[in-house]
Amino acid sequence: MSYQNHLEDNKTVGIPILTNFLLVNTHETYLAIYCVLRLWECHHAEKTLFMRNFSKAWRQLVARQKEDQKTINAFVSVDAKTKLDKLRKIYRMPIGELLELLIEDEYKKHQHNSRKAN
């Protein structure tokens, strides 16, 4: 049975489904997905867009599963961002690690000062 006949018989459109495979392990799953994507008859741009969106979704899922980290978003002035970038280069660390270091240092100062006041 050809791929085109498979589509007509099953009235499916798009990516061939993996239900026809009996997958035993991770390696076979990888090979099945690879084969399905290779056999997918579509425009190259459509496949590229699918892979880009799939990769983004996977990275987002992995990021959400990290229990020891949280995402923060903040607006800062251009001057503050420039200074943060300079500090990042000086300390040779990513912005997230630098912010964590600065927060920890400031928190320790606050703890120390509050003990003095008591």
PDB file of N, CA and C in Angstrom:
ATOM      1  N   MET A   1       0.854  -1.179   0.000  1.00  0.00           N
ATOM      2  CA  MET A   1       0.000   0.000   0.000  1.00  0.00           C
ATOM      3  C   MET A   1       0.895   1.236   0.000  1.00  0.00           C
ATOM      4  N   SER A   2       0.636   2.141  -0.901  1.00  0.00           N
ATOM      5  CA  SER A   2       1.445   3.358  -0.971  1.00  0.00           C
ATOM      6  C   SER A   2       0.979   4.347   0.090  1.00  0.00           C
ATOM      7  N   TYR A   3       1.830   5.332   0.324  1.00  0.00           N
ATOM      8  CA  TYR A   3       1.521   6.367   1.308  1.00  0.00           C
ATOM      9  C   TYR A   3       0.256   7.119   0.906  1.00  0.00           C
ATOM     10  N   GLN A   4       0.108   7.417  -0.399  1.00  0.00           N
ATOM     11  CA  GLN A   4      -1.061   8.155  -0.870  1.00  0.00           C
ATOM     12  C   GLN A   4      -2.330   7.341  -0.644  1.00  0.00           C
ATOM     13  N   ASN A   5      -2.283   6.029  -0.917  1.00  0.00           N
ATOM     14  CA  ASN A   5      -3.450   5.179  -0.673  1.00  0.00           C
ATOM     15  C   ASN A   5      -3.789   5.132   0.810  1.00  0.00           C
ATOM     16  N   HIS A   6      -2.757   5.112   1.643  1.00  0.00           N
ATOM     17  CA  HIS A   6      -2.967   5.117   3.093  1.00  0.00           C
ATOM     18  C   HIS A   6      -3.752   6.356   3.510  1.00  0.00           C
ATOM     19  N   LEU A   7      -3.388   7.507   2.947  1.00  0.00           N
ATOM     20  CA  LEU A   7      -4.096   8.739   3.275  1.00  0.00           C
ATOM     21  C   LEU A   7      -5.547   8.668   2.821  1.00  0.00           C
ATOM     22  N   GLU A   8      -5.771   8.157   1.605  1.00  0.00           N
ATOM     23  CA  GLU A   8      -7.129   8.089   1.087  1.00  0.00           C
ATOM     24  C   GLU A   8      -7.976   7.098   1.878  1.00  0.00           C
ATOM     25  N   ASP A   9      -7.399   5.933   2.232  1.00  0.00           N
ATOM     26  CA  ASP A   9      -8.145   4.918   2.967  1.00  0.00           C
ATOM     27  C   ASP A   9      -8.508   5.373   4.372  1.00  0.00           C
ATOM     28  N   ASN A  10      -7.579   6.037   5.036  1.00  0.00           N
ATOM     29  CA  ASN A  10      -7.796   6.441   6.426  1.00  0.00           C
ATOM     30  C   ASN A  10      -8.326   7.859   6.571  1.00  0.00           C
ATOM     31  N   LYS A  11      -8.475   8.557   5.460  1.00  0.00           N
ATOM     32  CA  LYS A  11      -8.962   9.936   5.460  1.00  0.00           C
ATOM     33  C   LYS A  11      -8.203  10.813   6.451  1.00  0.00           C
ATOM     34  N   THR A  12      -6.876  10.614   6.511  1.00  0.00           N
ATOM     35  CA  THR A  12      -6.032  11.442   7.360  1.00  0.00           C
ATOM     36  C   THR A  12      -5.275  12.424   6.495  1.00  0.00           C
ATOM     37  N   VAL A  13      -4.963  13.546   7.074  1.00  0.00           N
ATOM     38  CA  VAL A  13      -4.219  14.568   6.363  1.00  0.00           C
ATOM     39  C   VAL A  13      -3.081  15.008   7.258  1.00  0.00           C
ATOM     40  N   GLY A  14      -1.932  15.306   6.673  1.00  0.00           N
ATOM     41  CA  GLY A  14      -0.824  15.816   7.460  1.00  0.00           C
ATOM     42  C   GLY A  14       0.206  14.751   7.752  1.00  0.00           C
ATOM     43  N   ILE A  15       0.698  14.739   8.964  1.00  0.00           N
ATOM     44  CA  ILE A  15       1.769  13.842   9.359  1.00  0.00           C
ATOM     45  C   ILE A  15       1.220  12.417   9.521  1.00  0.00           C
ATOM     46  N   PRO A  16       1.898  11.421   8.942  1.00  0.00           N
ATOM     47  CA  PRO A  16       1.459  10.036   9.171  1.00  0.00           C
ATOM     48  C   PRO A  16       1.509   9.719  10.666  1.00  0.00           C
ATOM     49  N   ILE A  17       0.563   8.936  11.119  1.00  0.00           N
ATOM     50  CA  ILE A  17       0.474   8.657  12.552  1.00  0.00           C
ATOM     51  C   ILE A  17       1.381   7.501  12.953  1.00  0.00           C
ATOM     52  N   LEU A  18       1.765   7.477  14.220  1.00  0.00           N
ATOM     53  CA  LEU A  18       2.679   6.462  14.722  1.00  0.00           C
ATOM     54  C   LEU A  18       1.964   5.224  15.255  1.00  0.00           C
ATOM     55  N   THR A  19       0.643   5.174  15.172  1.00  0.00           N
ATOM     56  CA  THR A  19      -0.081   4.038  15.747  1.00  0.00           C
ATOM     57  C   THR A  19       0.167   2.747  14.986  1.00  0.00           C
ATOM     58  N   ASN A  20       0.677   2.835  13.771  1.00  0.00           N
ATOM     59  CA  ASN A  20       0.948   1.641  12.987  1.00  0.00           C
ATOM     60  C   ASN A  20       2.251   0.967  13.402  1.00  0.00           C
ATOM     61  N   PHE A  21       3.023   1.582  14.283  1.00  0.00           N
ATOM     62  CA  PHE A  21       4.304   1.044  14.719  1.00  0.00           C
ATOM     63  C   PHE A  21       4.160   0.373  16.078  1.00  0.00           C
ATOM     64  N   LEU A  22       4.884  -0.726  16.261  1.00  0.00           N
ATOM     65  CA  LEU A  22       4.975  -1.364  17.567  1.00  0.00           C
ATOM     66  C   LEU A  22       6.333  -0.975  18.136  1.00  0.00           C
ATOM     67  N   LEU A  23       6.340   0.055  18.974  1.00  0.00           N
ATOM     68  CA  LEU A  23       7.588   0.622  19.470  1.00  0.00           C
ATOM     69  C   LEU A  23       7.999  -0.074  20.760  1.00  0.00           C
ATOM     70  N   VAL A  24       9.238  -0.567  20.776  1.00  0.00           N
ATOM     71  CA  VAL A  24       9.725  -1.340  21.910  1.00  0.00           C
ATOM     72  C   VAL A  24      10.566  -0.505  22.859  1.00  0.00           C
ATOM     73  N   ASN A  25      11.361   0.407  22.322  1.00  0.00           N
ATOM     74  CA  ASN A  25      12.264   1.188  23.170  1.00  0.00           C
ATOM     75  C   ASN A  25      12.430   2.599  22.609  1.00  0.00           C
ATOM     76  N   THR A  26      13.213   3.392  23.283  1.00  0.00           N
ATOM     77  CA  THR A  26      13.415   4.791  22.900  1.00  0.00           C
ATOM     78  C   THR A  26      14.046   4.906  21.518  1.00  0.00           C
ATOM     79  N   HIS A  27      15.003   4.038  21.233  1.00  0.00           N
ATOM     80  CA  HIS A  27      15.677   4.088  19.934  1.00  0.00           C
ATOM     81  C   HIS A  27      14.690   3.832  18.796  1.00  0.00           C
ATOM     82  N   GLU A  28      13.810   2.840  18.968  1.00  0.00           N
ATOM     83  CA  GLU A  28      12.809   2.561  17.940  1.00  0.00           C
ATOM     84  C   GLU A  28      11.813   3.717  17.806  1.00  0.00           C
ATOM     85  N   THR A  29      11.483   4.353  18.903  1.00  0.00           N
ATOM     86  CA  THR A  29      10.598   5.517  18.851  1.00  0.00           C
ATOM     87  C   THR A  29      11.250   6.628  18.038  1.00  0.00           C
ATOM     88  N   TYR A  30      12.539   6.879  18.315  1.00  0.00           N
ATOM     89  CA  TYR A  30      13.283   7.890  17.560  1.00  0.00           C
ATOM     90  C   TYR A  30      13.280   7.559  16.075  1.00  0.00           C
ATOM     91  N   LEU A  31      13.570   6.305  15.722  1.00  0.00           N
ATOM     92  CA  LEU A  31      13.601   5.905  14.310  1.00  0.00           C
ATOM     93  C   LEU A  31      12.229   6.046  13.664  1.00  0.00           C
ATOM     94  N   ALA A  32      11.168   5.691  14.386  1.00  0.00           N
ATOM     95  CA  ALA A  32       9.820   5.806  13.838  1.00  0.00           C
ATOM     96  C   ALA A  32       9.464   7.260  13.558  1.00  0.00           C
ATOM     97  N   ILE A  33       9.770   8.129  14.499  1.00  0.00           N
ATOM     98  CA  ILE A  33       9.492   9.563  14.299  1.00  0.00           C
ATOM     99  C   ILE A  33      10.299  10.099  13.132  1.00  0.00           C
ATOM    100  N   TYR A  34      11.565   9.710  13.065  1.00  0.00           N
ATOM    101  CA  TYR A  34      12.424  10.143  11.957  1.00  0.00           C
ATOM    102  C   TYR A  34      11.834   9.692  10.617  1.00  0.00           C
ATOM    103  N   CYS A  35      11.412   8.434  10.537  1.00  0.00           N
ATOM    104  CA  CYS A  35      10.849   7.919   9.286  1.00  0.00           C
ATOM    105  C   CYS A  35       9.556   8.636   8.912  1.00  0.00           C
ATOM    106  N   VAL A  36       8.698   8.853   9.902  1.00  0.00           N
ATOM    107  CA  VAL A  36       7.433   9.535   9.636  1.00  0.00           C
ATOM    108  C   VAL A  36       7.692  10.940   9.099  1.00  0.00           C
ATOM    109  N   LEU A  37       8.637  11.637   9.709  1.00  0.00           N
ATOM    110  CA  LEU A  37       8.936  12.998   9.233  1.00  0.00           C
ATOM    111  C   LEU A  37       9.546  12.974   7.842  1.00  0.00           C
ATOM    112  N   ARG A  38      10.359  11.975   7.541  1.00  0.00           N
ATOM    113  CA  ARG A  38      10.956  11.861   6.201  1.00  0.00           C
ATOM    114  C   ARG A  38       9.896  11.544   5.149  1.00  0.00           C
ATOM    115  N   LEU A  39       8.888  10.748   5.530  1.00  0.00           N
ATOM    116  CA  LEU A  39       7.843  10.357   4.584  1.00  0.00           C
ATOM    117  C   LEU A  39       6.733  11.397   4.447  1.00  0.00           C
ATOM    118  N   TRP A  40       6.707  12.354   5.338  1.00  0.00           N
ATOM    119  CA  TRP A  40       5.664  13.380   5.327  1.00  0.00           C
ATOM    120  C   TRP A  40       5.803  14.205   4.060  1.00  0.00           C
ATOM    121  N   GLU A  41       4.813  14.128   3.204  1.00  0.00           N
ATOM    122  CA  GLU A  41       4.830  14.854   1.941  1.00  0.00           C
ATOM    123  C   GLU A  41       4.178  16.215   2.138  1.00  0.00           C
ATOM    124  N   CYS A  42       5.014  17.224   2.231  1.00  0.00           N
ATOM    125  CA  CYS A  42       4.524  18.588   2.394  1.00  0.00           C
ATOM    126  C   CYS A  42       5.612  19.540   1.893  1.00  0.00           C
ATOM    127  N   HIS A  43       5.276  20.795   1.873  1.00  0.00           N
ATOM    128  CA  HIS A  43       6.255  21.813   1.480  1.00  0.00           C
ATOM    129  C   HIS A  43       7.348  21.881   2.541  1.00  0.00           C
ATOM    130  N   HIS A  44       8.574  22.123   2.115  1.00  0.00           N
ATOM    131  CA  HIS A  44       9.714  22.192   3.040  1.00  0.00           C
ATOM    132  C   HIS A  44       9.476  23.226   4.142  1.00  0.00           C
ATOM    133  N   ALA A  45       8.871  24.354   3.795  1.00  0.00           N
ATOM    134  CA  ALA A  45       8.617  25.405   4.786  1.00  0.00           C
ATOM    135  C   ALA A  45       7.654  24.927   5.867  1.00  0.00           C
ATOM    136  N   GLU A  46       6.678  24.109   5.486  1.00  0.00           N
ATOM    137  CA  GLU A  46       5.717  23.590   6.461  1.00  0.00           C
ATOM    138  C   GLU A  46       6.412  22.667   7.459  1.00  0.00           C
ATOM    139  N   LYS A  47       7.299  21.814   6.951  1.00  0.00           N
ATOM    140  CA  LYS A  47       8.029  20.898   7.827  1.00  0.00           C
ATOM    141  C   LYS A  47       8.972  21.676   8.740  1.00  0.00           C
ATOM    142  N   THR A  48       9.624  22.699   8.193  1.00  0.00           N
ATOM    143  CA  THR A  48      10.528  23.530   8.988  1.00  0.00           C
ATOM    144  C   THR A  48       9.762  24.239  10.099  1.00  0.00           C
ATOM    145  N   LEU A  49       8.610  24.796   9.776  1.00  0.00           N
ATOM    146  CA  LEU A  49       7.781  25.474  10.772  1.00  0.00           C
ATOM    147  C   LEU A  49       7.322  24.496  11.853  1.00  0.00           C
ATOM    148  N   PHE A  50       6.917  23.300  11.444  1.00  0.00           N
ATOM    149  CA  PHE A  50       6.505  22.285  12.412  1.00  0.00           C
ATOM    150  C   PHE A  50       7.639  21.958  13.369  1.00  0.00           C
ATOM    151  N   MET A  51       8.833  21.731  12.828  1.00  0.00           N
ATOM    152  CA  MET A  51       9.978  21.367  13.670  1.00  0.00           C
ATOM    153  C   MET A  51      10.351  22.512  14.610  1.00  0.00           C
ATOM    154  N   ARG A  52      10.293  23.746  14.125  1.00  0.00           N
ATOM    155  CA  ARG A  52      10.604  24.903  14.967  1.00  0.00           C
ATOM    156  C   ARG A  52       9.605  25.007  16.115  1.00  0.00           C
ATOM    157  N   ASN A  53       8.323  24.880  15.802  1.00  0.00           N
ATOM    158  CA  ASN A  53       7.288  24.961  16.842  1.00  0.00           C
ATOM    159  C   ASN A  53       7.394  23.795  17.825  1.00  0.00           C
ATOM    160  N   PHE A  54       7.701  22.605  17.302  1.00  0.00           N
ATOM    161  CA  PHE A  54       7.863  21.438  18.164  1.00  0.00           C
ATOM    162  C   PHE A  54       9.032  21.640  19.123  1.00  0.00           C
ATOM    163  N   SER A  55      10.143  22.154  18.618  1.00  0.00           N
ATOM    164  CA  SER A  55      11.323  22.391  19.458  1.00  0.00           C
ATOM    165  C   SER A  55      11.034  23.419  20.542  1.00  0.00           C
ATOM    166  N   LYS A  56      10.339  24.495  20.176  1.00  0.00           N
ATOM    167  CA  LYS A  56       9.987  25.518  21.162  1.00  0.00           C
ATOM    168  C   LYS A  56       9.084  24.936  22.248  1.00  0.00           C
ATOM    169  N   ALA A  57       8.109  24.147  21.833  1.00  0.00           N
ATOM    170  CA  ALA A  57       7.187  23.542  22.801  1.00  0.00           C
ATOM    171  C   ALA A  57       7.934  22.588  23.730  1.00  0.00           C
ATOM    172  N   TRP A  58       8.887  21.839  23.182  1.00  0.00           N
ATOM    173  CA  TRP A  58       9.656  20.907  24.011  1.00  0.00           C
ATOM    174  C   TRP A  58      10.507  21.661  25.026  1.00  0.00           C
ATOM    175  N   ARG A  59      11.191  22.723  24.580  1.00  0.00           N
ATOM    176  CA  ARG A  59      12.005  23.517  25.505  1.00  0.00           C
ATOM    177  C   ARG A  59      11.147  24.128  26.601  1.00  0.00           C
ATOM    178  N   GLN A  60       9.954  24.588  26.245  1.00  0.00           N
ATOM    179  CA  GLN A  60       9.046  25.175  27.229  1.00  0.00           C
ATOM    180  C   GLN A  60       8.611  24.128  28.247  1.00  0.00           C
ATOM    181  N   LEU A  61       8.320  22.918  27.784  1.00  0.00           N
ATOM    182  CA  LEU A  61       7.927  21.845  28.688  1.00  0.00           C
ATOM    183  C   LEU A  61       9.057  21.504  29.656  1.00  0.00           C
ATOM    184  N   VAL A  62      10.267  21.404  29.150  1.00  0.00           N
ATOM    185  CA  VAL A  62      11.420  21.100  29.999  1.00  0.00           C
ATOM    186  C   VAL A  62      11.633  22.218  31.016  1.00  0.00           C
ATOM    187  N   ALA A  63      11.502  23.461  30.584  1.00  0.00           N
ATOM    188  CA  ALA A  63      11.690  24.593  31.496  1.00  0.00           C
ATOM    189  C   ALA A  63      10.636  24.598  32.602  1.00  0.00           C
ATOM    190  N   ARG A  64       9.407  24.242  32.270  1.00  0.00           N
ATOM    191  CA  ARG A  64       8.339  24.230  33.269  1.00  0.00           C
ATOM    192  C   ARG A  64       8.506  23.107  34.285  1.00  0.00           C
ATOM    193  N   GLN A  65       9.220  22.061  33.903  1.00  0.00           N
ATOM    194  CA  GLN A  65       9.404  20.929  34.810  1.00  0.00           C
ATOM    195  C   GLN A  65      10.523  21.157  35.815  1.00  0.00           C
ATOM    196  N   LYS A  66      11.297  22.218  35.666  1.00  0.00           N
ATOM    197  CA  LYS A  66      12.347  22.521  36.625  1.00  0.00           C
ATOM    198  C   LYS A  66      11.695  23.040  37.892  1.00  0.00           C
ATOM    199  N   GLU A  67      11.847  22.305  38.972  1.00  0.00           N
ATOM    200  CA  GLU A  67      11.193  22.676  40.218  1.00  0.00           C
ATOM    201  C   GLU A  67      12.033  23.631  41.051  1.00  0.00           C
ATOM    202  N   ASP A  68      13.327  23.690  40.799  1.00  0.00           N
ATOM    203  CA  ASP A  68      14.203  24.524  41.619  1.00  0.00           C
ATOM    204  C   ASP A  68      14.417  25.915  41.012  1.00  0.00           C
ATOM    205  N   GLN A  69      13.708  26.230  39.941  1.00  0.00           N
ATOM    206  CA  GLN A  69      13.859  27.534  39.306  1.00  0.00           C
ATOM    207  C   GLN A  69      12.497  28.119  38.968  1.00  0.00           C
ATOM    208  N   LYS A  70      12.426  29.442  38.984  1.00  0.00           N
ATOM    209  CA  LYS A  70      11.224  30.168  38.599  1.00  0.00           C
ATOM    210  C   LYS A  70      11.600  31.231  37.586  1.00  0.00           C
ATOM    211  N   THR A  71      10.678  31.541  36.704  1.00  0.00           N
ATOM    212  CA  THR A  71      10.891  32.577  35.705  1.00  0.00           C
ATOM    213  C   THR A  71      10.422  33.911  36.253  1.00  0.00           C
ATOM    214  N   ILE A  72      11.212  34.952  36.026  1.00  0.00           N
ATOM    215  CA  ILE A  72      10.781  36.301  36.381  1.00  0.00           C
ATOM    216  C   ILE A  72      10.918  37.183  35.147  1.00  0.00           C
ATOM    217  N   ASN A  73      10.007  38.113  35.018  1.00  0.00           N
ATOM    218  CA  ASN A  73      10.055  39.095  33.936  1.00  0.00           C
ATOM    219  C   ASN A  73       9.958  40.467  34.574  1.00  0.00           C
ATOM    220  N   ALA A  74      10.801  41.363  34.151  1.00  0.00           N
ATOM    221  CA  ALA A  74      10.781  42.703  34.741  1.00  0.00           C
ATOM    222  C   ALA A  74      11.233  43.724  33.710  1.00  0.00           C
ATOM    223  N   PHE A  75      10.721  44.924  33.840  1.00  0.00           N
ATOM    224  CA  PHE A  75      11.165  46.033  33.021  1.00  0.00           C
ATOM    225  C   PHE A  75      12.146  46.866  33.837  1.00  0.00           C
ATOM    226  N   VAL A  76      13.285  47.160  33.244  1.00  0.00           N
ATOM    227  CA  VAL A  76      14.285  48.008  33.889  1.00  0.00           C
ATOM    228  C   VAL A  76      14.684  49.092  32.900  1.00  0.00           C
ATOM    229  N   SER A  77      15.277  50.145  33.417  1.00  0.00           N
ATOM    230  CA  SER A  77      15.703  51.227  32.534  1.00  0.00           C
ATOM    231  C   SER A  77      16.843  50.737  31.633  1.00  0.00           C
ATOM    232  N   VAL A  78      17.054  51.445  30.562  1.00  0.00           N
ATOM    233  CA  VAL A  78      18.139  51.109  29.637  1.00  0.00           C
ATOM    234  C   VAL A  78      19.474  51.197  30.361  1.00  0.00           C
ATOM    235  N   ASP A  79      19.623  52.207  31.227  1.00  0.00           N
ATOM    236  CA  ASP A  79      20.861  52.387  31.985  1.00  0.00           C
ATOM    237  C   ASP A  79      21.119  51.198  32.913  1.00  0.00           C
ATOM    238  N   ALA A  80      20.075  50.745  33.603  1.00  0.00           N
ATOM    239  CA  ALA A  80      20.230  49.600  34.509  1.00  0.00           C
ATOM    240  C   ALA A  80      20.590  48.341  33.733  1.00  0.00           C
ATOM    241  N   LYS A  81      19.993  48.152  32.571  1.00  0.00           N
ATOM    242  CA  LYS A  81      20.296  46.980  31.744  1.00  0.00           C
ATOM    243  C   LYS A  81      21.733  47.033  31.238  1.00  0.00           C
ATOM    244  N   THR A  82      22.201  48.206  30.865  1.00  0.00           N
ATOM    245  CA  THR A  82      23.585  48.363  30.417  1.00  0.00           C
ATOM    246  C   THR A  82      24.550  48.008  31.543  1.00  0.00           C
ATOM    247  N   LYS A  83      24.238  48.482  32.738  1.00  0.00           N
ATOM    248  CA  LYS A  83      25.089  48.175  33.896  1.00  0.00           C
ATOM    249  C   LYS A  83      25.061  46.680  34.210  1.00  0.00           C
ATOM    250  N   LEU A  84      23.895  46.069  34.100  1.00  0.00           N
ATOM    251  CA  LEU A  84      23.766  44.644  34.345  1.00  0.00           C
ATOM    252  C   LEU A  84      24.602  43.849  33.338  1.00  0.00           C
ATOM    253  N   ASP A  85      24.571  44.262  32.079  1.00  0.00           N
ATOM    254  CA  ASP A  85      25.380  43.605  31.053  1.00  0.00           C
ATOM    255  C   ASP A  85      26.877  43.743  31.333  1.00  0.00           C
ATOM    256  N   LYS A  86      27.295  44.926  31.802  1.00  0.00           N
ATOM    257  CA  LYS A  86      28.712  45.125  32.145  1.00  0.00           C
ATOM    258  C   LYS A  86      29.122  44.227  33.308  1.00  0.00           C
ATOM    259  N   LEU A  87      28.262  44.158  34.329  1.00  0.00           N
ATOM    260  CA  LEU A  87      28.554  43.281  35.471  1.00  0.00           C
ATOM    261  C   LEU A  87      28.609  41.810  35.043  1.00  0.00           C
ATOM    262  N   ARG A  88      27.712  41.436  34.140  1.00  0.00           N
ATOM    263  CA  ARG A  88      27.677  40.067  33.643  1.00  0.00           C
ATOM    264  C   ARG A  88      29.000  39.719  32.966  1.00  0.00           C
ATOM    265  N   LYS A  89      29.528  40.654  32.198  1.00  0.00           N
ATOM    266  CA  LYS A  89      30.812  40.422  31.530  1.00  0.00           C
ATOM    267  C   LYS A  89      31.966  40.382  32.524  1.00  0.00           C
ATOM    268  N   ILE A  90      31.920  41.241  33.518  1.00  0.00           N
ATOM    269  CA  ILE A  90      32.985  41.272  34.536  1.00  0.00           C
ATOM    270  C   ILE A  90      33.026  39.947  35.296  1.00  0.00           C
ATOM    271  N   TYR A  91      31.854  39.487  35.742  1.00  0.00           N
ATOM    272  CA  TYR A  91      31.780  38.255  36.535  1.00  0.00           C
ATOM    273  C   TYR A  91      31.733  36.993  35.667  1.00  0.00           C
ATOM    274  N   ARG A  92      31.603  37.176  34.368  1.00  0.00           N
ATOM    275  CA  ARG A  92      31.549  36.059  33.409  1.00  0.00           C
ATOM    276  C   ARG A  92      30.486  35.033  33.796  1.00  0.00           C
ATOM    277  N   MET A  93      29.268  35.524  33.922  1.00  0.00           N
ATOM    278  CA  MET A  93      28.152  34.626  34.246  1.00  0.00           C
ATOM    279  C   MET A  93      26.889  35.110  33.550  1.00  0.00           C
ATOM    280  N   PRO A  94      25.945  34.208  33.344  1.00  0.00           N
ATOM    281  CA  PRO A  94      24.668  34.601  32.743  1.00  0.00           C
ATOM    282  C   PRO A  94      23.919  35.588  33.641  1.00  0.00           C
ATOM    283  N   ILE A  95      23.033  36.353  33.032  1.00  0.00           N
ATOM    284  CA  ILE A  95      22.281  37.367  33.773  1.00  0.00           C
ATOM    285  C   ILE A  95      21.491  36.742  34.922  1.00  0.00           C
ATOM    286  N   GLY A  96      20.883  35.589  34.693  1.00  0.00           N
ATOM    287  CA  GLY A  96      20.108  34.935  35.749  1.00  0.00           C
ATOM    288  C   GLY A  96      20.951  34.619  36.974  1.00  0.00           C
ATOM    289  N   GLU A  97      22.149  34.079  36.742  1.00  0.00           N
ATOM    290  CA  GLU A  97      23.041  33.764  37.868  1.00  0.00           C
ATOM    291  C   GLU A  97      23.513  35.036  38.565  1.00  0.00           C
ATOM    292  N   LEU A  98      23.795  36.077  37.793  1.00  0.00           N
ATOM    293  CA  LEU A  98      24.232  37.342  38.368  1.00  0.00           C
ATOM    294  C   LEU A  98      23.124  37.942  39.239  1.00  0.00           C
ATOM    295  N   LEU A  99      21.902  37.931  38.745  1.00  0.00           N
ATOM    296  CA  LEU A  99      20.778  38.453  39.533  1.00  0.00           C
ATOM    297  C   LEU A  99      20.611  37.658  40.825  1.00  0.00           C
ATOM    298  N   GLU A 100      20.745  36.346  40.728  1.00  0.00           N
ATOM    299  CA  GLU A 100      20.632  35.517  41.922  1.00  0.00           C
ATOM    300  C   GLU A 100      21.733  35.860  42.924  1.00  0.00           C
ATOM    301  N   LEU A 101      22.952  36.076  42.454  1.00  0.00           N
ATOM    302  CA  LEU A 101      24.070  36.452  43.318  1.00  0.00           C
ATOM    303  C   LEU A 101      23.805  37.798  43.997  1.00  0.00           C
ATOM    304  N   LEU A 102      23.354  38.777  43.212  1.00  0.00           N
ATOM    305  CA  LEU A 102      23.069  40.104  43.773  1.00  0.00           C
ATOM    306  C   LEU A 102      21.941  40.038  44.806  1.00  0.00           C
ATOM    307  N   ILE A 103      20.913  39.253  44.520  1.00  0.00           N
ATOM    308  CA  ILE A 103      19.796  39.117  45.454  1.00  0.00           C
ATOM    309  C   ILE A 103      20.264  38.456  46.747  1.00  0.00           C
ATOM    310  N   GLU A 104      21.042  37.387  46.632  1.00  0.00           N
ATOM    311  CA  GLU A 104      21.552  36.697  47.820  1.00  0.00           C
ATOM    312  C   GLU A 104      22.422  37.620  48.668  1.00  0.00           C
ATOM    313  N   ASP A 105      23.312  38.385  48.023  1.00  0.00           N
ATOM    314  CA  ASP A 105      24.170  39.324  48.757  1.00  0.00           C
ATOM    315  C   ASP A 105      23.347  40.377  49.482  1.00  0.00           C
ATOM    316  N   GLU A 106      22.377  40.944  48.816  1.00  0.00           N
ATOM    317  CA  GLU A 106      21.532  41.976  49.411  1.00  0.00           C
ATOM    318  C   GLU A 106      20.695  41.391  50.549  1.00  0.00           C
ATOM    319  N   TYR A 107      20.223  40.175  50.369  1.00  0.00           N
ATOM    320  CA  TYR A 107      19.422  39.525  51.400  1.00  0.00           C
ATOM    321  C   TYR A 107      20.268  39.267  52.654  1.00  0.00           C
ATOM    322  N   LYS A 108      21.508  38.832  52.453  1.00  0.00           N
ATOM    323  CA  LYS A 108      22.405  38.601  53.593  1.00  0.00           C
ATOM    324  C   LYS A 108      22.677  39.902  54.341  1.00  0.00           C
ATOM    325  N   LYS A 109      22.854  41.003  53.600  1.00  0.00           N
ATOM    326  CA  LYS A 109      23.056  42.314  54.242  1.00  0.00           C
ATOM    327  C   LYS A 109      21.828  42.674  55.081  1.00  0.00           C
ATOM    328  N   HIS A 110      20.665  42.460  54.523  1.00  0.00           N
ATOM    329  CA  HIS A 110      19.418  42.773  55.222  1.00  0.00           C
ATOM    330  C   HIS A 110      19.300  41.929  56.502  1.00  0.00           C
ATOM    331  N   GLN A 111      19.612  40.634  56.394  1.00  0.00           N
ATOM    332  CA  GLN A 111      19.560  39.753  57.559  1.00  0.00           C
ATOM    333  C   GLN A 111      20.533  40.220  58.634  1.00  0.00           C
ATOM    334  N   HIS A 112      21.742  40.588  58.222  1.00  0.00           N
ATOM    335  CA  HIS A 112      22.770  41.048  59.147  1.00  0.00           C
ATOM    336  C   HIS A 112      22.345  42.342  59.853  1.00  0.00           C
ATOM    337  N   ASN A 113      21.804  43.276  59.072  1.00  0.00           N
ATOM    338  CA  ASN A 113      21.353  44.563  59.636  1.00  0.00           C
ATOM    339  C   ASN A 113      20.159  44.387  60.568  1.00  0.00           C
ATOM    340  N   SER A 114      19.270  43.474  60.254  1.00  0.00           N
ATOM    341  CA  SER A 114      18.098  43.283  61.118  1.00  0.00           C
ATOM    342  C   SER A 114      18.500  42.624  62.437  1.00  0.00           C
ATOM    343  N   ARG A 115      19.552  41.831  62.447  1.00  0.00           N
ATOM    344  CA  ARG A 115      20.039  41.232  63.692  1.00  0.00           C
ATOM    345  C   ARG A 115      20.694  42.289  64.582  1.00  0.00           C
ATOM    346  N   LYS A 116      21.396  43.234  63.944  1.00  0.00           N
ATOM    347  CA  LYS A 116      22.030  44.320  64.702  1.00  0.00           C
ATOM    348  C   LYS A 116      20.980  45.186  65.394  1.00  0.00           C
ATOM    349  N   ALA A 117      19.863  45.415  64.708  1.00  0.00           N
ATOM    350  CA  ALA A 117      18.822  46.274  65.248  1.00  0.00           C
ATOM    351  C   ALA A 117      18.147  45.635  66.464  1.00  0.00           C
ATOM    352  N   ASN A 118      18.130  44.354  66.546  1.00  0.00           N
ATOM    353  CA  ASN A 118      17.462  43.662  67.679  1.00  0.00           C
ATOM    354  C   ASN A 118      18.400  43.618  68.814  1.00  0.00           C
TER     355      ASN A 118
END
